[in-house]
Amino acid sequence: MDHTLKVWNWRNGTCVRTLEGHTEGVVCLNYDSNVLASGSVDTTVKVWNFRTGECFTLRGHRDWVNAVHLWDGPGSEAKGDQELDIDPGKMLFSASDDGSIRLWDLNLRTCVRQFTGHVGQVQSIRLVMLDGGCGDDDKQARQQEKDEKKQEDKNGPVPVLISGSLDNTIRIWDVESGKARKTLFGHIEGVWSVQSDKLRVVSASHDRTIKVWNHGDGTCVATLVGHRGAVTCLALGDDKIVSGSDDGDIRVWSFAPPTDGSRY
C-alpha cells in the first residue's frame, strides 16, 4: 500500500489528484459532494476537501481504522468549516481494530461519542434511518423507548448504527445514547461486512454464510449458504443481495422471502 488516495475522472480514466498525508496504508474511505474521509493502518482518520487536497486529522483510535461513514447529523452549533467547505452538522463515524466506534463532529474536529461493547475488531458499519428506532435487548430499554416514542415521532426517523465485528456478532446501536439496542448472535466466525435497509440487516461472515436479520426483533430469518470461502463484502438492491467471497465468486441472491415458508 502506497499510503495515498487518488481521485480519478471516471469518464476518461485520468488521475486528477493524489492525496498524500497518511503514513501507512489506506484501508477505507467514504465521500460526498465535497468531503472525503479516509481511514488508515496508521490509526488516524483524515478528512479532505478532495478538490483542493487540504485535510485535517482525527486522532483517537489505537489501531487500524477499518470503516468510515459520513452523516449529515444534528451536529453542534458551530459554524461550518469554511476552509474545507464542510457544512454545519457534518458528522463522521469511524470503526477500528481497537474494538470501538467513534462519532466525530467535523466542524469541532473532535470525538463526541464512543460506542463500546465489541470484544473484537470492528470491520464494518452502516447507518440507517428507522421510524421510531428498533427494539432493545431488555424490558427497561423497551419501556424507555415507548416513553420516548412520541418525541421520536415528532422528530421523524431515528438514526440507528449497525456494526459487524470479528467477535462474531452484529450490534445495533442507538446513535443518541451510544448504547447497543441489540446484539445479534448466530455467526460462528467473524463478521466482515454488514448492510441494512429499514426492514432487514444483512451480514457476511468468515464462516462462509450470509445471514438476514429482522430489524424489529433481531431474529435471523434466513441463512444463505453457497460460498466456499469467507464472505467479505455485500451490496443490497430492492430485491437482491450481492456478495463477494475469498472463493473468487460473486453471487446474486433473491432478497424477497420465499412464499412457501422454506429457507432462502
C-alpha atoms as a PDB file:
ATOM      1  CA  MET A   1       0.000   0.000   0.000  1.00  0.00           C
ATOM      2  CA  ASP A   2       1.485   3.359  -1.058  1.00  0.00           C
ATOM      3  CA  HIS A   3      -0.266   5.458   1.666  1.00  0.00           C
ATOM      4  CA  THR A   4      -2.090   7.666  -0.876  1.00  0.00           C
ATOM      5  CA  LEU A   5      -5.586   8.290  -2.218  1.00  0.00           C
ATOM      6  CA  LYS A   6      -6.226   9.125  -5.850  1.00  0.00           C
ATOM      7  CA  VAL A   7      -9.173  10.991  -7.355  1.00  0.00           C
ATOM      8  CA  TRP A   8      -9.998   9.843 -10.879  1.00  0.00           C
ATOM      9  CA  ASN A   9     -12.017  11.206 -13.759  1.00  0.00           C
ATOM     10  CA  TRP A  10     -14.314   8.258 -14.400  1.00  0.00           C
ATOM     11  CA  ARG A  11     -15.109   9.431 -17.920  1.00  0.00           C
ATOM     12  CA  ASN A  12     -11.584   9.220 -19.326  1.00  0.00           C
ATOM     13  CA  GLY A  13      -9.737   7.281 -16.608  1.00  0.00           C
ATOM     14  CA  THR A  14      -7.205  10.000 -15.790  1.00  0.00           C
ATOM     15  CA  CYS A  15      -5.979  10.748 -12.272  1.00  0.00           C
ATOM     16  CA  VAL A  16      -6.933  14.322 -11.358  1.00  0.00           C
ATOM     17  CA  ARG A  17      -5.435  14.471  -7.858  1.00  0.00           C
ATOM     18  CA  THR A  18      -3.266  12.445  -5.482  1.00  0.00           C
ATOM     19  CA  LEU A  19      -3.930  12.972  -1.771  1.00  0.00           C
ATOM     20  CA  GLU A  20      -0.895  12.401   0.444  1.00  0.00           C
ATOM     21  CA  GLY A  21      -0.748  12.505   4.234  1.00  0.00           C
ATOM     22  CA  HIS A  22      -1.295   9.064   5.730  1.00  0.00           C
ATOM     23  CA  THR A  23       1.896   7.393   6.937  1.00  0.00           C
ATOM     24  CA  GLU A  24       0.646   3.848   6.327  1.00  0.00           C
ATOM     25  CA  GLY A  25      -1.830   2.130   4.020  1.00  0.00           C
ATOM     26  CA  VAL A  26      -5.346   3.480   3.447  1.00  0.00           C
ATOM     27  CA  VAL A  27      -7.984   0.784   4.035  1.00  0.00           C
ATOM     28  CA  CYS A  28     -11.345   2.604   3.809  1.00  0.00           C
ATOM     29  CA  LEU A  29     -12.989   5.774   2.542  1.00  0.00           C
ATOM     30  CA  ASN A  30     -16.348   7.496   2.251  1.00  0.00           C
ATOM     31  CA  TYR A  31     -17.234  10.717   0.447  1.00  0.00           C
ATOM     32  CA  ASP A  32     -19.992  13.110  -0.526  1.00  0.00           C
ATOM     33  CA  SER A  33     -20.114  16.054  -2.932  1.00  0.00           C
ATOM     34  CA  ASN A  34     -17.186  17.931  -1.395  1.00  0.00           C
ATOM     35  CA  VAL A  35     -15.739  15.974   1.553  1.00  0.00           C
ATOM     36  CA  LEU A  36     -13.784  12.725   1.584  1.00  0.00           C
ATOM     37  CA  ALA A  37     -12.888  10.768   4.733  1.00  0.00           C
ATOM     38  CA  SER A  38     -10.204   8.083   4.829  1.00  0.00           C
ATOM     39  CA  GLY A  39      -9.147   5.565   7.479  1.00  0.00           C
ATOM     40  CA  SER A  40      -5.692   4.072   7.692  1.00  0.00           C
ATOM     41  CA  VAL A  41      -3.419   1.462   9.210  1.00  0.00           C
ATOM     42  CA  ASP A  42      -1.717   4.468  10.874  1.00  0.00           C
ATOM     43  CA  THR A  43      -4.763   4.608  13.288  1.00  0.00           C
ATOM     44  CA  THR A  44      -5.935   8.015  12.054  1.00  0.00           C
ATOM     45  CA  VAL A  45      -8.864   9.373  10.092  1.00  0.00           C
ATOM     46  CA  LYS A  46      -8.212  12.159   7.617  1.00  0.00           C
ATOM     47  CA  VAL A  47     -10.925  14.471   6.283  1.00  0.00           C
ATOM     48  CA  TRP A  48     -10.178  16.002   2.892  1.00  0.00           C
ATOM     49  CA  ASN A  49     -11.533  18.571   0.519  1.00  0.00           C
ATOM     50  CA  PHE A  50     -10.739  16.418  -2.477  1.00  0.00           C
ATOM     51  CA  ARG A  51     -10.945  19.376  -4.865  1.00  0.00           C
ATOM     52  CA  THR A  52      -8.152  21.295  -3.119  1.00  0.00           C
ATOM     53  CA  GLY A  53      -6.317  18.466  -1.339  1.00  0.00           C
ATOM     54  CA  GLU A  54      -6.493  20.221   2.051  1.00  0.00           C
ATOM     55  CA  CYS A  55      -7.169  17.999   5.055  1.00  0.00           C
ATOM     56  CA  PHE A  56      -7.192  17.659   8.822  1.00  0.00           C
ATOM     57  CA  THR A  57      -6.551  14.611  11.003  1.00  0.00           C
ATOM     58  CA  LEU A  58      -8.740  12.961  13.646  1.00  0.00           C
ATOM     59  CA  ARG A  59      -6.800  11.023  16.297  1.00  0.00           C
ATOM     60  CA  GLY A  60      -8.176   8.745  18.997  1.00  0.00           C
ATOM     61  CA  HIS A  61      -8.252   5.176  17.727  1.00  0.00           C
ATOM     62  CA  ARG A  62      -5.471   2.871  18.927  1.00  0.00           C
ATOM     63  CA  ASP A  63      -5.405   0.509  15.939  1.00  0.00           C
ATOM     64  CA  TRP A  64      -6.325   0.247  12.247  1.00  0.00           C
ATOM     65  CA  VAL A  65      -9.358   2.244  11.135  1.00  0.00           C
ATOM     66  CA  ASN A  66     -11.440  -0.198   9.071  1.00  0.00           C
ATOM     67  CA  ALA A  67     -14.557   1.806   8.188  1.00  0.00           C
ATOM     68  CA  VAL A  68     -15.693   5.438   7.968  1.00  0.00           C
ATOM     69  CA  HIS A  69     -19.168   6.819   7.269  1.00  0.00           C
ATOM     70  CA  LEU A  70     -20.184  10.465   6.749  1.00  0.00           C
ATOM     71  CA  TRP A  71     -23.521  11.634   8.161  1.00  0.00           C
ATOM     72  CA  ASP A  72     -25.475  14.887   7.877  1.00  0.00           C
ATOM     73  CA  GLY A  73     -26.455  14.787  11.537  1.00  0.00           C
ATOM     74  CA  PRO A  74     -27.619  17.386  14.037  1.00  0.00           C
ATOM     75  CA  GLY A  75     -24.021  18.250  14.894  1.00  0.00           C
ATOM     76  CA  SER A  76     -23.052  21.198  17.052  1.00  0.00           C
ATOM     77  CA  GLU A  77     -23.917  24.863  16.950  1.00  0.00           C
ATOM     78  CA  ALA A  78     -20.527  25.571  15.419  1.00  0.00           C
ATOM     79  CA  LYS A  79     -20.433  27.266  12.054  1.00  0.00           C
ATOM     80  CA  GLY A  80     -19.457  25.243   9.033  1.00  0.00           C
ATOM     81  CA  ASP A  81     -15.774  24.767   8.293  1.00  0.00           C
ATOM     82  CA  GLN A  82     -15.141  27.292   5.528  1.00  0.00           C
ATOM     83  CA  GLU A  83     -11.551  26.165   4.991  1.00  0.00           C
ATOM     84  CA  LEU A  84     -12.545  22.662   3.877  1.00  0.00           C
ATOM     85  CA  ASP A  85     -16.092  23.561   2.761  1.00  0.00           C
ATOM     86  CA  ILE A  86     -17.738  21.368   5.428  1.00  0.00           C
ATOM     87  CA  ASP A  87     -21.416  22.031   6.095  1.00  0.00           C
ATOM     88  CA  PRO A  88     -22.721  22.637   9.648  1.00  0.00           C
ATOM     89  CA  GLY A  89     -23.851  19.386  11.236  1.00  0.00           C
ATOM     90  CA  LYS A  90     -21.496  17.171   9.236  1.00  0.00           C
ATOM     91  CA  MET A  91     -20.588  14.119  11.335  1.00  0.00           C
ATOM     92  CA  LEU A  92     -18.411  11.053  10.811  1.00  0.00           C
ATOM     93  CA  PHE A  93     -18.493   7.524  12.223  1.00  0.00           C
ATOM     94  CA  SER A  94     -15.263   5.508  12.338  1.00  0.00           C
ATOM     95  CA  ALA A  95     -14.702   1.862  13.313  1.00  0.00           C
ATOM     96  CA  SER A  96     -11.417   0.322  14.345  1.00  0.00           C
ATOM     97  CA  ASP A  97      -9.468  -2.804  15.163  1.00  0.00           C
ATOM     98  CA  ASP A  98      -9.351  -1.421  18.719  1.00  0.00           C
ATOM     99  CA  GLY A  99     -12.965  -2.652  19.073  1.00  0.00           C
ATOM    100  CA  SER A 100     -14.554   0.792  19.270  1.00  0.00           C
ATOM    101  CA  ILE A 101     -16.674   3.038  17.076  1.00  0.00           C
ATOM    102  CA  ARG A 102     -16.349   6.808  17.332  1.00  0.00           C
ATOM    103  CA  LEU A 103     -18.646   9.634  16.268  1.00  0.00           C
ATOM    104  CA  TRP A 104     -16.881  12.851  15.292  1.00  0.00           C
ATOM    105  CA  ASP A 105     -18.183  16.383  14.827  1.00  0.00           C
ATOM    106  CA  LEU A 106     -16.239  17.539  11.788  1.00  0.00           C
ATOM    107  CA  ASN A 107     -16.701  21.242  12.485  1.00  0.00           C
ATOM    108  CA  LEU A 108     -15.421  20.888  16.045  1.00  0.00           C
ATOM    109  CA  ARG A 109     -12.890  18.310  14.832  1.00  0.00           C
ATOM    110  CA  THR A 110     -13.433  16.250  17.947  1.00  0.00           C
ATOM    111  CA  CYS A 111     -14.928  12.940  19.066  1.00  0.00           C
ATOM    112  CA  VAL A 112     -18.345  13.497  20.621  1.00  0.00           C
ATOM    113  CA  ARG A 113     -19.360   9.889  21.326  1.00  0.00           C
ATOM    114  CA  GLN A 114     -17.869   6.402  21.645  1.00  0.00           C
ATOM    115  CA  PHE A 115     -19.665   3.110  21.046  1.00  0.00           C
ATOM    116  CA  THR A 116     -18.040   0.328  23.063  1.00  0.00           C
ATOM    117  CA  GLY A 117     -19.037  -3.285  23.618  1.00  0.00           C
ATOM    118  CA  HIS A 118     -17.500  -5.310  20.827  1.00  0.00           C
ATOM    119  CA  VAL A 119     -14.659  -7.559  22.013  1.00  0.00           C
ATOM    120  CA  GLY A 120     -13.143  -7.951  18.553  1.00  0.00           C
ATOM    121  CA  GLN A 121     -12.094  -5.745  15.671  1.00  0.00           C
ATOM    122  CA  VAL A 122     -14.994  -3.776  14.155  1.00  0.00           C
ATOM    123  CA  GLN A 123     -14.847  -4.319  10.406  1.00  0.00           C
ATOM    124  CA  SER A 124     -18.000  -2.720   9.009  1.00  0.00           C
ATOM    125  CA  ILE A 125     -20.587  -0.064   9.903  1.00  0.00           C
ATOM    126  CA  ARG A 126     -23.794   1.158   8.282  1.00  0.00           C
ATOM    127  CA  LEU A 127     -26.207   3.934   9.255  1.00  0.00           C
ATOM    128  CA  VAL A 128     -29.933   3.539   8.635  1.00  0.00           C
ATOM    129  CA  MET A 129     -32.836   5.860   9.465  1.00  0.00           C
ATOM    130  CA  LEU A 130     -35.700   3.985  11.112  1.00  0.00           C
ATOM    131  CA  ASP A 131     -39.184   5.148  12.044  1.00  0.00           C
ATOM    132  CA  GLY A 132     -39.231   5.087  15.841  1.00  0.00           C
ATOM    133  CA  GLY A 133     -35.937   3.212  16.108  1.00  0.00           C
ATOM    134  CA  CYS A 134     -35.877  -0.531  16.722  1.00  0.00           C
ATOM    135  CA  GLY A 135     -36.395  -2.895  19.625  1.00  0.00           C
ATOM    136  CA  ASP A 136     -33.982  -3.224  22.556  1.00  0.00           C
ATOM    137  CA  ASP A 137     -32.421  -6.138  24.378  1.00  0.00           C
ATOM    138  CA  ASP A 138     -34.191  -5.641  27.712  1.00  0.00           C
ATOM    139  CA  LYS A 139     -37.560  -4.652  29.092  1.00  0.00           C
ATOM    140  CA  GLN A 140     -36.330  -1.479  30.758  1.00  0.00           C
ATOM    141  CA  ALA A 141     -34.857  -0.222  27.497  1.00  0.00           C
ATOM    142  CA  ARG A 142     -38.049  -1.099  25.648  1.00  0.00           C
ATOM    143  CA  GLN A 143     -40.101   0.838  28.194  1.00  0.00           C
ATOM    144  CA  GLN A 144     -37.792   3.817  27.809  1.00  0.00           C
ATOM    145  CA  GLU A 145     -38.255   3.598  24.047  1.00  0.00           C
ATOM    146  CA  LYS A 146     -42.035   3.657  24.497  1.00  0.00           C
ATOM    147  CA  ASP A 147     -41.760   6.712  26.746  1.00  0.00           C
ATOM    148  CA  GLU A 148     -39.695   8.491  24.114  1.00  0.00           C
ATOM    149  CA  LYS A 149     -41.690   7.299  21.102  1.00  0.00           C
ATOM    150  CA  LYS A 150     -43.930  10.353  20.901  1.00  0.00           C
ATOM    151  CA  GLN A 151     -40.922  12.647  20.826  1.00  0.00           C
ATOM    152  CA  GLU A 152     -39.212  10.430  18.258  1.00  0.00           C
ATOM    153  CA  ASP A 153     -42.297  10.504  16.065  1.00  0.00           C
ATOM    154  CA  LYS A 154     -42.294  14.286  16.186  1.00  0.00           C
ATOM    155  CA  ASN A 155     -38.655  14.416  15.202  1.00  0.00           C
ATOM    156  CA  GLY A 156     -39.027  11.967  12.332  1.00  0.00           C
ATOM    157  CA  PRO A 157     -36.805   8.968  11.531  1.00  0.00           C
ATOM    158  CA  VAL A 158     -34.268   7.886  14.146  1.00  0.00           C
ATOM    159  CA  PRO A 159     -30.616   7.198  13.213  1.00  0.00           C
ATOM    160  CA  VAL A 160     -29.508   3.650  14.029  1.00  0.00           C
ATOM    161  CA  LEU A 161     -25.968   2.359  13.540  1.00  0.00           C
ATOM    162  CA  ILE A 162     -25.232  -1.247  12.544  1.00  0.00           C
ATOM    163  CA  SER A 163     -21.783  -2.756  13.174  1.00  0.00           C
ATOM    164  CA  GLY A 164     -20.147  -6.081  12.378  1.00  0.00           C
ATOM    165  CA  SER A 165     -17.141  -7.411  14.271  1.00  0.00           C
ATOM    166  CA  LEU A 166     -14.664 -10.269  14.329  1.00  0.00           C
ATOM    167  CA  ASP A 167     -16.185 -11.187  17.721  1.00  0.00           C
ATOM    168  CA  ASN A 168     -18.829 -12.988  15.558  1.00  0.00           C
ATOM    169  CA  THR A 169     -21.621 -10.519  16.409  1.00  0.00           C
ATOM    170  CA  ILE A 170     -23.624  -7.706  14.874  1.00  0.00           C
ATOM    171  CA  ARG A 171     -24.667  -4.819  17.098  1.00  0.00           C
ATOM    172  CA  ILE A 172     -27.469  -2.327  16.567  1.00  0.00           C
ATOM    173  CA  TRP A 173     -26.727   0.977  18.301  1.00  0.00           C
ATOM    174  CA  ASP A 174     -28.782   3.950  19.403  1.00  0.00           C
ATOM    175  CA  VAL A 175     -26.832   6.870  17.973  1.00  0.00           C
ATOM    176  CA  GLU A 176     -28.122   9.404  20.502  1.00  0.00           C
ATOM    177  CA  SER A 177     -27.070   7.436  23.597  1.00  0.00           C
ATOM    178  CA  GLY A 178     -24.197   5.381  22.211  1.00  0.00           C
ATOM    179  CA  LYS A 179     -25.711   2.238  23.736  1.00  0.00           C
ATOM    180  CA  ALA A 180     -26.346  -1.070  21.992  1.00  0.00           C
ATOM    181  CA  ARG A 181     -30.049  -1.776  21.443  1.00  0.00           C
ATOM    182  CA  LYS A 182     -29.407  -5.329  20.276  1.00  0.00           C
ATOM    183  CA  THR A 183     -26.631  -7.845  19.834  1.00  0.00           C
ATOM    184  CA  LEU A 184     -27.239 -10.402  17.095  1.00  0.00           C
ATOM    185  CA  PHE A 185     -25.711 -13.842  17.638  1.00  0.00           C
ATOM    186  CA  GLY A 186     -25.590 -16.603  15.044  1.00  0.00           C
ATOM    187  CA  HIS A 187     -22.379 -16.487  13.056  1.00  0.00           C
ATOM    188  CA  ILE A 188     -19.704 -18.920  14.247  1.00  0.00           C
ATOM    189  CA  GLU A 189     -16.823 -16.822  12.907  1.00  0.00           C
ATOM    190  CA  GLY A 190     -16.114 -13.128  12.461  1.00  0.00           C
ATOM    191  CA  VAL A 191     -18.382 -10.725  10.582  1.00  0.00           C
ATOM    192  CA  TRP A 192     -16.647  -8.892   7.738  1.00  0.00           C
ATOM    193  CA  SER A 193     -19.482  -6.827   6.288  1.00  0.00           C
ATOM    194  CA  VAL A 194     -22.955  -5.544   7.171  1.00  0.00           C
ATOM    195  CA  GLN A 195     -25.639  -3.863   5.087  1.00  0.00           C
ATOM    196  CA  SER A 196     -29.113  -2.705   6.053  1.00  0.00           C
ATOM    197  CA  ASP A 197     -32.365  -1.178   4.916  1.00  0.00           C
ATOM    198  CA  LYS A 198     -35.378  -0.223   7.027  1.00  0.00           C
ATOM    199  CA  LEU A 199     -36.584  -3.813   7.374  1.00  0.00           C
ATOM    200  CA  ARG A 200     -33.547  -6.065   7.399  1.00  0.00           C
ATOM    201  CA  VAL A 201     -29.926  -6.321   8.426  1.00  0.00           C
ATOM    202  CA  VAL A 202     -27.670  -8.487   6.261  1.00  0.00           C
ATOM    203  CA  SER A 203     -24.292  -9.783   7.467  1.00  0.00           C
ATOM    204  CA  ALA A 204     -21.410 -11.578   5.753  1.00  0.00           C
ATOM    205  CA  SER A 205     -19.044 -13.772   7.716  1.00  0.00           C
ATOM    206  CA  HIS A 206     -15.795 -15.693   7.720  1.00  0.00           C
ATOM    207  CA  ASP A 207     -17.979 -18.769   8.340  1.00  0.00           C
ATOM    208  CA  ARG A 208     -18.855 -18.618   4.594  1.00  0.00           C
ATOM    209  CA  THR A 209     -22.502 -17.688   5.192  1.00  0.00           C
ATOM    210  CA  ILE A 210     -24.715 -14.641   4.807  1.00  0.00           C
ATOM    211  CA  LYS A 211     -27.455 -14.040   7.357  1.00  0.00           C
ATOM    212  CA  VAL A 212     -30.590 -11.931   7.002  1.00  0.00           C
ATOM    213  CA  TRP A 213     -31.954 -10.482  10.250  1.00  0.00           C
ATOM    214  CA  ASN A 214     -35.222  -8.816  11.193  1.00  0.00           C
ATOM    215  CA  HIS A 215     -34.715  -5.249  12.452  1.00  0.00           C
ATOM    216  CA  GLY A 216     -37.722  -5.408  14.754  1.00  0.00           C
ATOM    217  CA  ASP A 217     -36.896  -8.385  16.962  1.00  0.00           C
ATOM    218  CA  GLY A 218     -33.346  -9.252  15.924  1.00  0.00           C
ATOM    219  CA  THR A 219     -34.175 -12.772  14.766  1.00  0.00           C
ATOM    220  CA  CYS A 220     -32.299 -14.441  11.928  1.00  0.00           C
ATOM    221  CA  VAL A 221     -34.855 -15.051   9.179  1.00  0.00           C
ATOM    222  CA  ALA A 222     -32.529 -16.669   6.629  1.00  0.00           C
ATOM    223  CA  THR A 223     -29.051 -18.106   6.220  1.00  0.00           C
ATOM    224  CA  LEU A 224     -27.614 -18.067   2.703  1.00  0.00           C
ATOM    225  CA  VAL A 225     -25.153 -20.899   2.040  1.00  0.00           C
ATOM    226  CA  GLY A 226     -23.118 -21.378  -1.111  1.00  0.00           C
ATOM    227  CA  HIS A 227     -19.772 -19.616  -0.914  1.00  0.00           C
ATOM    228  CA  ARG A 228     -16.695 -21.824  -0.397  1.00  0.00           C
ATOM    229  CA  GLY A 229     -14.662 -19.114   1.318  1.00  0.00           C
ATOM    230  CA  ALA A 230     -15.077 -16.218   3.740  1.00  0.00           C
ATOM    231  CA  VAL A 231     -17.748 -13.754   2.583  1.00  0.00           C
ATOM    232  CA  THR A 232     -16.142 -10.331   2.797  1.00  0.00           C
ATOM    233  CA  CYS A 233     -18.436  -7.820   1.082  1.00  0.00           C
ATOM    234  CA  LEU A 234     -22.127  -7.155   0.427  1.00  0.00           C
ATOM    235  CA  ALA A 235     -24.394  -4.869  -1.566  1.00  0.00           C
ATOM    236  CA  LEU A 236     -28.186  -4.580  -1.359  1.00  0.00           C
ATOM    237  CA  GLY A 237     -30.763  -3.804  -4.014  1.00  0.00           C
ATOM    238  CA  ASP A 238     -34.524  -3.626  -3.724  1.00  0.00           C
ATOM    239  CA  ASP A 239     -34.905  -7.394  -4.036  1.00  0.00           C
ATOM    240  CA  LYS A 240     -31.352  -8.721  -4.385  1.00  0.00           C
ATOM    241  CA  ILE A 241     -28.276  -9.320  -2.238  1.00  0.00           C
ATOM    242  CA  VAL A 242     -24.882  -9.322  -3.957  1.00  0.00           C
ATOM    243  CA  SER A 243     -21.989 -10.970  -2.123  1.00  0.00           C
ATOM    244  CA  GLY A 244     -18.262 -11.313  -2.750  1.00  0.00           C
ATOM    245  CA  SER A 245     -16.068 -14.005  -1.250  1.00  0.00           C
ATOM    246  CA  ASP A 246     -12.491 -15.171  -0.852  1.00  0.00           C
ATOM    247  CA  ASP A 247     -13.506 -18.101  -3.069  1.00  0.00           C
ATOM    248  CA  GLY A 248     -13.333 -15.676  -6.005  1.00  0.00           C
ATOM    249  CA  ASP A 249     -17.063 -15.755  -6.715  1.00  0.00           C
ATOM    250  CA  ILE A 250     -19.693 -13.021  -6.755  1.00  0.00           C
ATOM    251  CA  ARG A 251     -23.190 -14.307  -6.041  1.00  0.00           C
ATOM    252  CA  VAL A 252     -26.579 -12.647  -6.511  1.00  0.00           C
ATOM    253  CA  TRP A 253     -29.310 -13.801  -4.119  1.00  0.00           C
ATOM    254  CA  SER A 254     -33.042 -13.191  -4.054  1.00  0.00           C
ATOM    255  CA  PHE A 255     -33.871 -10.751  -1.255  1.00  0.00           C
ATOM    256  CA  ALA A 256     -37.614 -11.473  -1.230  1.00  0.00           C
ATOM    257  CA  PRO A 257     -38.643 -14.140   1.320  1.00  0.00           C
ATOM    258  CA  PRO A 258     -39.980 -17.373  -0.185  1.00  0.00           C
ATOM    259  CA  THR A 259     -43.761 -17.651  -0.235  1.00  0.00           C
ATOM    260  CA  ASP A 260     -43.832 -21.315   0.806  1.00  0.00           C
ATOM    261  CA  GLY A 261     -42.176 -20.704   4.182  1.00  0.00           C
ATOM    262  CA  SER A 262     -38.964 -22.533   3.270  1.00  0.00           C
ATOM    263  CA  ARG A 263     -35.400 -21.257   3.677  1.00  0.00           C
ATOM    264  CA  TYR A 264     -33.882 -18.958   1.077  1.00  0.00           C
END
